[in-house]
Amino acid sequence: MVFAQTSRALVRRFTTSAVRRSQEWQQQGVPGSNLPFDIHNKYKLTAMFVLFFGSGLTAPFLIARRHLLLTSAK
């Protein structure tokens, strides 16, 4: 019973401090102001998304191609 009370108190203290800390961001009330990239230029945003996701999706295929080329060269 004592363990349950102390664990509830710790969880409550953590959640309230986490909520308090989350308010430290400088949010200006503008959509996208808290994002780490600029969303105002849609062409640049599209190019960055294509590069980011494209590099992650093509990497396994390029690695497999290199491996197949190396094994066929032997």
PDB file of N, CA and C in Angstrom:
ATOM      1  N   MET A   1       0.816  -1.180   0.000  1.00  0.00           N
ATOM      2  CA  MET A   1       0.000   0.000   0.000  1.00  0.00           C
ATOM      3  C   MET A   1       0.868   1.256   0.000  1.00  0.00           C
ATOM      4  N   VAL A   2       1.939   1.214   0.758  1.00  0.00           N
ATOM      5  CA  VAL A   2       2.839   2.362   0.803  1.00  0.00           C
ATOM      6  C   VAL A   2       3.530   2.520  -0.552  1.00  0.00           C
ATOM      7  N   PHE A   3       3.884   1.387  -1.160  1.00  0.00           N
ATOM      8  CA  PHE A   3       4.532   1.431  -2.476  1.00  0.00           C
ATOM      9  C   PHE A   3       3.612   2.054  -3.517  1.00  0.00           C
ATOM     10  N   ALA A   4       2.344   1.693  -3.474  1.00  0.00           N
ATOM     11  CA  ALA A   4       1.383   2.238  -4.437  1.00  0.00           C
ATOM     12  C   ALA A   4       1.223   3.743  -4.259  1.00  0.00           C
ATOM     13  N   GLN A   5       1.182   4.192  -3.025  1.00  0.00           N
ATOM     14  CA  GLN A   5       1.022   5.628  -2.780  1.00  0.00           C
ATOM     15  C   GLN A   5       2.247   6.410  -3.244  1.00  0.00           C
ATOM     16  N   THR A   6       3.429   5.875  -2.951  1.00  0.00           N
ATOM     17  CA  THR A   6       4.638   6.596  -3.363  1.00  0.00           C
ATOM     18  C   THR A   6       4.802   6.571  -4.877  1.00  0.00           C
ATOM     19  N   SER A   7       4.455   5.449  -5.508  1.00  0.00           N
ATOM     20  CA  SER A   7       4.583   5.404  -6.965  1.00  0.00           C
ATOM     21  C   SER A   7       3.601   6.364  -7.630  1.00  0.00           C
ATOM     22  N   ARG A   8       2.376   6.453  -7.110  1.00  0.00           N
ATOM     23  CA  ARG A   8       1.411   7.416  -7.658  1.00  0.00           C
ATOM     24  C   ARG A   8       1.890   8.846  -7.471  1.00  0.00           C
ATOM     25  N   ALA A   9       2.485   9.118  -6.318  1.00  0.00           N
ATOM     26  CA  ALA A   9       2.988  10.469  -6.060  1.00  0.00           C
ATOM     27  C   ALA A   9       4.140  10.801  -7.005  1.00  0.00           C
ATOM     28  N   LEU A  10       5.033   9.834  -7.246  1.00  0.00           N
ATOM     29  CA  LEU A  10       6.146  10.067  -8.168  1.00  0.00           C
ATOM     30  C   LEU A  10       5.658  10.287  -9.591  1.00  0.00           C
ATOM     31  N   VAL A  11       4.694   9.489 -10.010  1.00  0.00           N
ATOM     32  CA  VAL A  11       4.155   9.645 -11.359  1.00  0.00           C
ATOM     33  C   VAL A  11       3.484  11.001 -11.499  1.00  0.00           C
ATOM     34  N   ARG A  12       2.728  11.392 -10.498  1.00  0.00           N
ATOM     35  CA  ARG A  12       2.048  12.692 -10.557  1.00  0.00           C
ATOM     36  C   ARG A  12       3.055  13.831 -10.596  1.00  0.00           C
ATOM     37  N   ARG A  13       4.104  13.728  -9.787  1.00  0.00           N
ATOM     38  CA  ARG A  13       5.119  14.774  -9.787  1.00  0.00           C
ATOM     39  C   ARG A  13       5.819  14.856 -11.138  1.00  0.00           C
ATOM     40  N   PHE A  14       6.099  13.692 -11.728  1.00  0.00           N
ATOM     41  CA  PHE A  14       6.781  13.681 -13.025  1.00  0.00           C
ATOM     42  C   PHE A  14       5.897  14.269 -14.115  1.00  0.00           C
ATOM     43  N   THR A  15       4.627  13.875 -14.149  1.00  0.00           N
ATOM     44  CA  THR A  15       3.760  14.365 -15.221  1.00  0.00           C
ATOM     45  C   THR A  15       3.511  15.860 -15.098  1.00  0.00           C
ATOM     46  N   THR A  16       3.371  16.359 -13.888  1.00  0.00           N
ATOM     47  CA  THR A  16       3.146  17.799 -13.761  1.00  0.00           C
ATOM     48  C   THR A  16       4.402  18.576 -14.117  1.00  0.00           C
ATOM     49  N   SER A  17       5.583  18.044 -13.780  1.00  0.00           N
ATOM     50  CA  SER A  17       6.806  18.756 -14.149  1.00  0.00           C
ATOM     51  C   SER A  17       7.051  18.657 -15.652  1.00  0.00           C
ATOM     52  N   ALA A  18       6.654  17.537 -16.279  1.00  0.00           N
ATOM     53  CA  ALA A  18       6.807  17.415 -17.728  1.00  0.00           C
ATOM     54  C   ALA A  18       5.905  18.405 -18.448  1.00  0.00           C
ATOM     55  N   VAL A  19       4.701  18.596 -17.936  1.00  0.00           N
ATOM     56  CA  VAL A  19       3.787  19.571 -18.541  1.00  0.00           C
ATOM     57  C   VAL A  19       4.342  20.979 -18.356  1.00  0.00           C
ATOM     58  N   ARG A  20       4.887  21.243 -17.196  1.00  0.00           N
ATOM     59  CA  ARG A  20       5.460  22.564 -16.954  1.00  0.00           C
ATOM     60  C   ARG A  20       6.647  22.824 -17.869  1.00  0.00           C
ATOM     61  N   ARG A  21       7.499  21.808 -18.063  1.00  0.00           N
ATOM     62  CA  ARG A  21       8.670  21.980 -18.924  1.00  0.00           C
ATOM     63  C   ARG A  21       8.284  22.135 -20.377  1.00  0.00           C
ATOM     64  N   SER A  22       7.184  21.533 -20.793  1.00  0.00           N
ATOM     65  CA  SER A  22       6.799  21.614 -22.193  1.00  0.00           C
ATOM     66  C   SER A  22       6.354  23.017 -22.576  1.00  0.00           C
ATOM     67  N   GLN A  23       6.045  23.857 -21.618  1.00  0.00           N
ATOM     68  CA  GLN A  23       5.609  25.215 -21.913  1.00  0.00           C
ATOM     69  C   GLN A  23       6.777  26.168 -22.137  1.00  0.00           C
ATOM     70  N   GLU A  24       8.023  25.673 -22.037  1.00  0.00           N
ATOM     71  CA  GLU A  24       9.181  26.537 -22.206  1.00  0.00           C
ATOM     72  C   GLU A  24       9.485  26.836 -23.670  1.00  0.00           C
ATOM     73  N   TRP A  25       8.862  26.137 -24.600  1.00  0.00           N
ATOM     74  CA  TRP A  25       9.095  26.394 -26.016  1.00  0.00           C
ATOM     75  C   TRP A  25       8.529  27.754 -26.376  1.00  0.00           C
ATOM     76  N   GLN A  26       9.173  28.403 -27.299  1.00  0.00           N
ATOM     77  CA  GLN A  26       8.702  29.715 -27.732  1.00  0.00           C
ATOM     78  C   GLN A  26       7.730  29.528 -28.887  1.00  0.00           C
ATOM     79  N   GLN A  27       6.502  29.290 -28.561  1.00  0.00           N
ATOM     80  CA  GLN A  27       5.473  29.113 -29.573  1.00  0.00           C
ATOM     81  C   GLN A  27       4.787  30.445 -29.789  1.00  0.00           C
ATOM     82  N   GLN A  28       4.760  30.865 -31.035  1.00  0.00           N
ATOM     83  CA  GLN A  28       4.223  32.180 -31.343  1.00  0.00           C
ATOM     84  C   GLN A  28       2.777  32.109 -31.793  1.00  0.00           C
ATOM     85  N   GLY A  29       2.147  30.967 -31.720  1.00  0.00           N
ATOM     86  CA  GLY A  29       0.779  30.842 -32.160  1.00  0.00           C
ATOM     87  C   GLY A  29       0.650  30.717 -33.664  1.00  0.00           C
ATOM     88  N   VAL A  30       1.764  30.527 -34.345  1.00  0.00           N
ATOM     89  CA  VAL A  30       1.771  30.401 -35.803  1.00  0.00           C
ATOM     90  C   VAL A  30       1.960  28.928 -36.141  1.00  0.00           C
ATOM     91  N   PRO A  31       1.141  28.355 -37.018  1.00  0.00           N
ATOM     92  CA  PRO A  31       1.328  26.952 -37.388  1.00  0.00           C
ATOM     93  C   PRO A  31       2.717  26.724 -37.981  1.00  0.00           C
ATOM     94  N   GLY A  32       3.414  25.737 -37.449  1.00  0.00           N
ATOM     95  CA  GLY A  32       4.751  25.407 -37.923  1.00  0.00           C
ATOM     96  C   GLY A  32       5.862  26.151 -37.225  1.00  0.00           C
ATOM     97  N   SER A  33       5.561  26.965 -36.228  1.00  0.00           N
ATOM     98  CA  SER A  33       6.612  27.733 -35.558  1.00  0.00           C
ATOM     99  C   SER A  33       7.492  26.856 -34.676  1.00  0.00           C
ATOM    100  N   ASN A  34       7.005  25.701 -34.278  1.00  0.00           N
ATOM    101  CA  ASN A  34       7.800  24.830 -33.420  1.00  0.00           C
ATOM    102  C   ASN A  34       8.414  23.660 -34.184  1.00  0.00           C
ATOM    103  N   LEU A  35       8.394  23.696 -35.509  1.00  0.00           N
ATOM    104  CA  LEU A  35       8.997  22.643 -36.317  1.00  0.00           C
ATOM    105  C   LEU A  35      10.461  22.970 -36.597  1.00  0.00           C
ATOM    106  N   PRO A  36      11.317  21.951 -36.731  1.00  0.00           N
ATOM    107  CA  PRO A  36      12.736  22.222 -36.977  1.00  0.00           C
ATOM    108  C   PRO A  36      13.057  22.544 -38.433  1.00  0.00           C
ATOM    109  N   PHE A  37      12.062  22.703 -39.287  1.00  0.00           N
ATOM    110  CA  PHE A  37      12.290  23.044 -40.687  1.00  0.00           C
ATOM    111  C   PHE A  37      11.246  24.055 -41.127  1.00  0.00           C
ATOM    112  N   ASP A  38      11.535  24.729 -42.229  1.00  0.00           N
ATOM    113  CA  ASP A  38      10.656  25.781 -42.726  1.00  0.00           C
ATOM    114  C   ASP A  38       9.573  25.171 -43.603  1.00  0.00           C
ATOM    115  N   ILE A  39       8.322  25.533 -43.366  1.00  0.00           N
ATOM    116  CA  ILE A  39       7.218  24.980 -44.152  1.00  0.00           C
ATOM    117  C   ILE A  39       6.590  26.014 -45.072  1.00  0.00           C
ATOM    118  N   HIS A  40       7.186  27.194 -45.169  1.00  0.00           N
ATOM    119  CA  HIS A  40       6.580  28.261 -45.959  1.00  0.00           C
ATOM    120  C   HIS A  40       6.866  28.119 -47.452  1.00  0.00           C
ATOM    121  N   ASN A  41       8.006  27.564 -47.832  1.00  0.00           N
ATOM    122  CA  ASN A  41       8.327  27.348 -49.238  1.00  0.00           C
ATOM    123  C   ASN A  41       7.972  25.905 -49.574  1.00  0.00           C
ATOM    124  N   LYS A  42       6.866  25.691 -50.266  1.00  0.00           N
ATOM    125  CA  LYS A  42       6.381  24.328 -50.483  1.00  0.00           C
ATOM    126  C   LYS A  42       7.269  23.537 -51.432  1.00  0.00           C
ATOM    127  N   TYR A  43       7.980  24.190 -52.339  1.00  0.00           N
ATOM    128  CA  TYR A  43       8.855  23.471 -53.262  1.00  0.00           C
ATOM    129  C   TYR A  43      10.106  22.967 -52.545  1.00  0.00           C
ATOM    130  N   LYS A  44      10.666  23.788 -51.678  1.00  0.00           N
ATOM    131  CA  LYS A  44      11.822  23.358 -50.891  1.00  0.00           C
ATOM    132  C   LYS A  44      11.424  22.241 -49.926  1.00  0.00           C
ATOM    133  N   LEU A  45      10.256  22.378 -49.316  1.00  0.00           N
ATOM    134  CA  LEU A  45       9.765  21.359 -48.390  1.00  0.00           C
ATOM    135  C   LEU A  45       9.560  20.028 -49.109  1.00  0.00           C
ATOM    136  N   THR A  46       8.996  20.074 -50.316  1.00  0.00           N
ATOM    137  CA  THR A  46       8.787  18.856 -51.098  1.00  0.00           C
ATOM    138  C   THR A  46      10.115  18.212 -51.463  1.00  0.00           C
ATOM    139  N   ALA A  47      11.088  19.018 -51.882  1.00  0.00           N
ATOM    140  CA  ALA A  47      12.402  18.481 -52.240  1.00  0.00           C
ATOM    141  C   ALA A  47      13.082  17.846 -51.029  1.00  0.00           C
ATOM    142  N   MET A  48      12.980  18.478 -49.868  1.00  0.00           N
ATOM    143  CA  MET A  48      13.599  17.921 -48.663  1.00  0.00           C
ATOM    144  C   MET A  48      12.932  16.610 -48.247  1.00  0.00           C
ATOM    145  N   PHE A  49      11.608  16.540 -48.358  1.00  0.00           N
ATOM    146  CA  PHE A  49      10.908  15.300 -48.028  1.00  0.00           C
ATOM    147  C   PHE A  49      11.311  14.185 -48.987  1.00  0.00           C
ATOM    148  N   VAL A  50      11.410  14.498 -50.279  1.00  0.00           N
ATOM    149  CA  VAL A  50      11.798  13.487 -51.268  1.00  0.00           C
ATOM    150  C   VAL A  50      13.215  13.000 -50.991  1.00  0.00           C
ATOM    151  N   LEU A  51      14.134  13.907 -50.693  1.00  0.00           N
ATOM    152  CA  LEU A  51      15.508  13.503 -50.384  1.00  0.00           C
ATOM    153  C   LEU A  51      15.577  12.676 -49.105  1.00  0.00           C
ATOM    154  N   PHE A  52      14.862  13.098 -48.077  1.00  0.00           N
ATOM    155  CA  PHE A  52      14.917  12.399 -46.798  1.00  0.00           C
ATOM    156  C   PHE A  52      14.358  10.985 -46.908  1.00  0.00           C
ATOM    157  N   PHE A  53      13.138  10.867 -47.429  1.00  0.00           N
ATOM    158  CA  PHE A  53      12.519   9.548 -47.525  1.00  0.00           C
ATOM    159  C   PHE A  53      13.121   8.728 -48.657  1.00  0.00           C
ATOM    160  N   GLY A  54      13.522   9.380 -49.737  1.00  0.00           N
ATOM    161  CA  GLY A  54      14.125   8.663 -50.858  1.00  0.00           C
ATOM    162  C   GLY A  54      15.453   8.038 -50.491  1.00  0.00           C
ATOM    163  N   SER A  55      16.261   8.742 -49.707  1.00  0.00           N
ATOM    164  CA  SER A  55      17.550   8.177 -49.315  1.00  0.00           C
ATOM    165  C   SER A  55      17.355   6.967 -48.409  1.00  0.00           C
ATOM    166  N   GLY A  56      16.364   7.016 -47.542  1.00  0.00           N
ATOM    167  CA  GLY A  56      16.107   5.880 -46.656  1.00  0.00           C
ATOM    168  C   GLY A  56      15.537   4.680 -47.385  1.00  0.00           C
ATOM    169  N   LEU A  57      14.754   4.928 -48.419  1.00  0.00           N
ATOM    170  CA  LEU A  57      14.148   3.823 -49.155  1.00  0.00           C
ATOM    171  C   LEU A  57      15.097   3.200 -50.171  1.00  0.00           C
ATOM    172  N   THR A  58      16.018   3.977 -50.728  1.00  0.00           N
ATOM    173  CA  THR A  58      16.916   3.429 -51.747  1.00  0.00           C
ATOM    174  C   THR A  58      18.178   2.820 -51.160  1.00  0.00           C
ATOM    175  N   ALA A  59      18.532   3.157 -49.941  1.00  0.00           N
ATOM    176  CA  ALA A  59      19.770   2.652 -49.345  1.00  0.00           C
ATOM    177  C   ALA A  59      19.839   1.124 -49.325  1.00  0.00           C
ATOM    178  N   PRO A  60      18.821   0.383 -48.904  1.00  0.00           N
ATOM    179  CA  PRO A  60      18.934  -1.081 -48.901  1.00  0.00           C
ATOM    180  C   PRO A  60      19.126  -1.663 -50.301  1.00  0.00           C
ATOM    181  N   PHE A  61      18.480  -1.063 -51.296  1.00  0.00           N
ATOM    182  CA  PHE A  61      18.631  -1.565 -52.657  1.00  0.00           C
ATOM    183  C   PHE A  61      20.036  -1.304 -53.192  1.00  0.00           C
ATOM    184  N   LEU A  62      20.601  -0.151 -52.885  1.00  0.00           N
ATOM    185  CA  LEU A  62      21.964   0.138 -53.321  1.00  0.00           C
ATOM    186  C   LEU A  62      22.975  -0.762 -52.615  1.00  0.00           C
ATOM    187  N   ILE A  63      22.747  -1.049 -51.359  1.00  0.00           N
ATOM    188  CA  ILE A  63      23.639  -1.948 -50.618  1.00  0.00           C
ATOM    189  C   ILE A  63      23.552  -3.357 -51.184  1.00  0.00           C
ATOM    190  N   ALA A  64      22.344  -3.825 -51.486  1.00  0.00           N
ATOM    191  CA  ALA A  64      22.183  -5.160 -52.076  1.00  0.00           C
ATOM    192  C   ALA A  64      22.826  -5.219 -53.455  1.00  0.00           C
ATOM    193  N   ARG A  65      22.682  -4.173 -54.261  1.00  0.00           N
ATOM    194  CA  ARG A  65      23.299  -4.138 -55.592  1.00  0.00           C
ATOM    195  C   ARG A  65      24.816  -4.211 -55.478  1.00  0.00           C
ATOM    196  N   ARG A  66      25.385  -3.438 -54.554  1.00  0.00           N
ATOM    197  CA  ARG A  66      26.838  -3.457 -54.365  1.00  0.00           C
ATOM    198  C   ARG A  66      27.305  -4.836 -53.925  1.00  0.00           C
ATOM    199  N   HIS A  67      26.555  -5.460 -53.029  1.00  0.00           N
ATOM    200  CA  HIS A  67      26.920  -6.790 -52.552  1.00  0.00           C
ATOM    201  C   HIS A  67      26.872  -7.801 -53.693  1.00  0.00           C
ATOM    202  N   LEU A  68      25.844  -7.730 -54.531  1.00  0.00           N
ATOM    203  CA  LEU A  68      25.738  -8.648 -55.665  1.00  0.00           C
ATOM    204  C   LEU A  68      26.844  -8.413 -56.679  1.00  0.00           C
ATOM    205  N   LEU A  69      27.209  -7.163 -56.909  1.00  0.00           N
ATOM    206  CA  LEU A  69      28.298  -6.873 -57.841  1.00  0.00           C
ATOM    207  C   LEU A  69      29.632  -7.369 -57.303  1.00  0.00           C
ATOM    208  N   LEU A  70      29.844  -7.245 -56.005  1.00  0.00           N
ATOM    209  CA  LEU A  70      31.097  -7.716 -55.418  1.00  0.00           C
ATOM    210  C   LEU A  70      31.194  -9.239 -55.451  1.00  0.00           C
ATOM    211  N   THR A  71      30.095  -9.932 -55.204  1.00  0.00           N
ATOM    212  CA  THR A  71      30.147 -11.397 -55.206  1.00  0.00           C
ATOM    213  C   THR A  71      30.242 -11.947 -56.623  1.00  0.00           C
ATOM    214  N   SER A  72      29.685 -11.264 -57.617  1.00  0.00           N
ATOM    215  CA  SER A  72      29.775 -11.757 -58.990  1.00  0.00           C
ATOM    216  C   SER A  72      31.136 -11.454 -59.595  1.00  0.00           C
ATOM    217  N   ALA A  73      31.879 -10.505 -59.055  1.00  0.00           N
ATOM    218  CA  ALA A  73      33.196 -10.155 -59.582  1.00  0.00           C
ATOM    219  C   ALA A  73      34.253 -11.157 -59.152  1.00  0.00           C
ATOM    220  N   LYS A  74      33.990 -11.934 -58.129  1.00  0.00           N
ATOM    221  CA  LYS A  74      34.990 -12.892 -57.625  1.00  0.00           C
ATOM    222  C   LYS A  74      35.069 -14.119 -58.461  1.00  0.00           C
TER     223      LYS A  74
END
